[in-house]
């Protein structure tokens, strides 16, 4: 994912998509949406991640910084990382609320 000089996101297909300045509306993610997030993130890191990505997400409450890399942070024990792929048992079960 690349952000162009005009504030647009360059998708993997090469199409420019306008970036929204509004936070996504809606309630908290349900289990189906969390599963979808994990699946998409696993695909992204499998096919598109080189060594690392640093993302910033602006929310109404604060900036959120996301660090995706091939190695754990030096100041964090690897045991503190939560495995999301393969899906953990709580998310792996299918339900009708997707």
C-alpha atoms as a PDB file:
ATOM      1  CA  UNK A   1       0.000   0.000   0.000  1.00  0.00           C
ATOM      2  CA  UNK A   2       1.341   3.399  -0.948  1.00  0.00           C
ATOM      3  CA  UNK A   3      -0.061   6.854  -0.302  1.00  0.00           C
ATOM      4  CA  UNK A   4       0.405   9.131  -3.296  1.00  0.00           C
ATOM      5  CA  UNK A   5       1.289  12.826  -3.161  1.00  0.00           C
ATOM      6  CA  UNK A   6      -2.368  13.670  -3.723  1.00  0.00           C
ATOM      7  CA  UNK A   7      -3.535  11.853  -0.589  1.00  0.00           C
ATOM      8  CA  UNK A   8      -4.783   8.772  -2.364  1.00  0.00           C
ATOM      9  CA  UNK A   9      -4.040   5.153  -1.553  1.00  0.00           C
ATOM     10  CA  UNK A  10      -2.399   3.145  -4.336  1.00  0.00           C
ATOM     11  CA  UNK A  11      -3.973  -0.308  -4.214  1.00  0.00           C
ATOM     12  CA  UNK A  12      -2.239  -3.526  -5.195  1.00  0.00           C
ATOM     13  CA  UNK A  13      -3.968  -3.412  -8.581  1.00  0.00           C
ATOM     14  CA  UNK A  14      -2.430   0.027  -9.220  1.00  0.00           C
ATOM     15  CA  UNK A  15      -5.703   1.933  -8.869  1.00  0.00           C
ATOM     16  CA  UNK A  16      -5.790   5.145  -6.843  1.00  0.00           C
ATOM     17  CA  UNK A  17      -8.511   5.195  -4.208  1.00  0.00           C
ATOM     18  CA  UNK A  18      -9.389   8.453  -2.412  1.00  0.00           C
ATOM     19  CA  UNK A  19      -8.474   8.398   1.285  1.00  0.00           C
ATOM     20  CA  UNK A  20     -11.274   9.271   3.657  1.00  0.00           C
ATOM     21  CA  UNK A  21     -10.628  11.679   6.474  1.00  0.00           C
ATOM     22  CA  UNK A  22     -13.621  10.381   8.401  1.00  0.00           C
ATOM     23  CA  UNK A  23     -13.274   7.418  10.769  1.00  0.00           C
ATOM     24  CA  UNK A  24     -15.269   4.365   9.734  1.00  0.00           C
ATOM     25  CA  UNK A  25     -18.709   4.434  11.313  1.00  0.00           C
ATOM     26  CA  UNK A  26     -20.219   1.533  13.137  1.00  0.00           C
ATOM     27  CA  UNK A  27     -20.009  -0.532  16.284  1.00  0.00           C
ATOM     28  CA  UNK A  28     -17.119  -2.684  17.473  1.00  0.00           C
ATOM     29  CA  UNK A  29     -16.073  -5.525  15.184  1.00  0.00           C
ATOM     30  CA  UNK A  30     -18.018  -8.756  15.622  1.00  0.00           C
ATOM     31  CA  UNK A  31     -16.366 -12.200  15.500  1.00  0.00           C
ATOM     32  CA  UNK A  32     -16.923 -12.531  11.751  1.00  0.00           C
ATOM     33  CA  UNK A  33     -15.306  -9.166  11.094  1.00  0.00           C
ATOM     34  CA  UNK A  34     -12.363 -10.034  13.373  1.00  0.00           C
ATOM     35  CA  UNK A  35     -11.917 -13.286  11.409  1.00  0.00           C
ATOM     36  CA  UNK A  36     -11.986 -11.337   8.151  1.00  0.00           C
ATOM     37  CA  UNK A  37      -9.426  -8.857   9.510  1.00  0.00           C
ATOM     38  CA  UNK A  38      -7.110 -11.720  10.528  1.00  0.00           C
ATOM     39  CA  UNK A  39      -7.488 -13.450   7.144  1.00  0.00           C
ATOM     40  CA  UNK A  40      -6.801 -10.237   5.208  1.00  0.00           C
ATOM     41  CA  UNK A  41      -3.843  -9.327   7.392  1.00  0.00           C
ATOM     42  CA  UNK A  42      -2.390 -12.828   6.974  1.00  0.00           C
ATOM     43  CA  UNK A  43      -2.748 -12.482   3.186  1.00  0.00           C
ATOM     44  CA  UNK A  44      -1.157  -9.030   3.272  1.00  0.00           C
ATOM     45  CA  UNK A  45       1.899 -10.103   5.282  1.00  0.00           C
ATOM     46  CA  UNK A  46       2.265 -13.268   3.177  1.00  0.00           C
ATOM     47  CA  UNK A  47       2.169 -11.534  -0.205  1.00  0.00           C
ATOM     48  CA  UNK A  48       2.953  -7.827   0.266  1.00  0.00           C
ATOM     49  CA  UNK A  49       5.124  -7.312   3.353  1.00  0.00           C
ATOM     50  CA  UNK A  50       8.813  -6.856   2.560  1.00  0.00           C
ATOM     51  CA  UNK A  51      10.591  -6.273   5.876  1.00  0.00           C
ATOM     52  CA  UNK A  52       8.247  -3.977   7.790  1.00  0.00           C
ATOM     53  CA  UNK A  53       5.369  -1.534   7.518  1.00  0.00           C
ATOM     54  CA  UNK A  54       4.620   1.386   9.792  1.00  0.00           C
ATOM     55  CA  UNK A  55       1.027   2.600   9.770  1.00  0.00           C
ATOM     56  CA  UNK A  56      -0.703   5.494  11.488  1.00  0.00           C
ATOM     57  CA  UNK A  57      -4.466   5.512  11.992  1.00  0.00           C
ATOM     58  CA  UNK A  58      -6.108   8.711  13.178  1.00  0.00           C
ATOM     59  CA  UNK A  59      -9.103   8.122  15.432  1.00  0.00           C
ATOM     60  CA  UNK A  60     -11.335  10.610  17.242  1.00  0.00           C
ATOM     61  CA  UNK A  61      -9.502   9.708  20.472  1.00  0.00           C
ATOM     62  CA  UNK A  62      -5.834   9.554  19.479  1.00  0.00           C
ATOM     63  CA  UNK A  63      -3.342   8.536  16.821  1.00  0.00           C
ATOM     64  CA  UNK A  64      -2.772   4.780  16.714  1.00  0.00           C
ATOM     65  CA  UNK A  65       0.571   3.459  15.485  1.00  0.00           C
ATOM     66  CA  UNK A  66       0.818  -0.013  13.957  1.00  0.00           C
ATOM     67  CA  UNK A  67       4.210  -1.661  13.497  1.00  0.00           C
ATOM     68  CA  UNK A  68       4.280  -4.814  11.345  1.00  0.00           C
ATOM     69  CA  UNK A  69       7.647  -6.469  10.968  1.00  0.00           C
ATOM     70  CA  UNK A  70       9.426  -9.763  10.534  1.00  0.00           C
ATOM     71  CA  UNK A  71      10.921  -9.556  14.032  1.00  0.00           C
ATOM     72  CA  UNK A  72       9.468  -8.728  17.450  1.00  0.00           C
ATOM     73  CA  UNK A  73      10.329  -5.380  18.932  1.00  0.00           C
ATOM     74  CA  UNK A  74      13.519  -5.515  20.975  1.00  0.00           C
ATOM     75  CA  UNK A  75      11.769  -4.112  24.054  1.00  0.00           C
ATOM     76  CA  UNK A  76       8.839  -6.590  23.990  1.00  0.00           C
ATOM     77  CA  UNK A  77       8.912 -10.268  24.924  1.00  0.00           C
ATOM     78  CA  UNK A  78       7.827 -12.483  22.036  1.00  0.00           C
ATOM     79  CA  UNK A  79       5.438 -14.234  24.442  1.00  0.00           C
ATOM     80  CA  UNK A  80       3.335 -11.052  24.696  1.00  0.00           C
ATOM     81  CA  UNK A  81       2.362 -11.142  21.034  1.00  0.00           C
ATOM     82  CA  UNK A  82      -1.119 -12.523  20.368  1.00  0.00           C
ATOM     83  CA  UNK A  83      -1.264 -15.059  17.518  1.00  0.00           C
ATOM     84  CA  UNK A  84      -4.023 -14.211  15.041  1.00  0.00           C
ATOM     85  CA  UNK A  85      -2.994 -16.645  12.288  1.00  0.00           C
ATOM     86  CA  UNK A  86      -3.664 -19.489  12.175  1.00  0.00           C
ATOM     87  CA  UNK A  87      -6.910 -18.350  13.718  1.00  0.00           C
ATOM     88  CA  UNK A  88      -7.067 -18.928  17.459  1.00  0.00           C
ATOM     89  CA  UNK A  89      -9.852 -21.265  18.655  1.00  0.00           C
ATOM     90  CA  UNK A  90     -12.140 -18.405  19.708  1.00  0.00           C
ATOM     91  CA  UNK A  91     -12.149 -16.956  16.207  1.00  0.00           C
ATOM     92  CA  UNK A  92     -11.808 -20.163  14.231  1.00  0.00           C
ATOM     93  CA  UNK A  93     -15.319 -21.388  14.958  1.00  0.00           C
ATOM     94  CA  UNK A  94     -17.872 -20.348  12.377  1.00  0.00           C
ATOM     95  CA  UNK A  95     -21.059 -18.646  13.426  1.00  0.00           C
ATOM     96  CA  UNK A  96     -24.031 -17.085  11.678  1.00  0.00           C
ATOM     97  CA  UNK A  97     -23.168 -13.513  12.739  1.00  0.00           C
ATOM     98  CA  UNK A  98     -20.686 -12.793   9.938  1.00  0.00           C
END
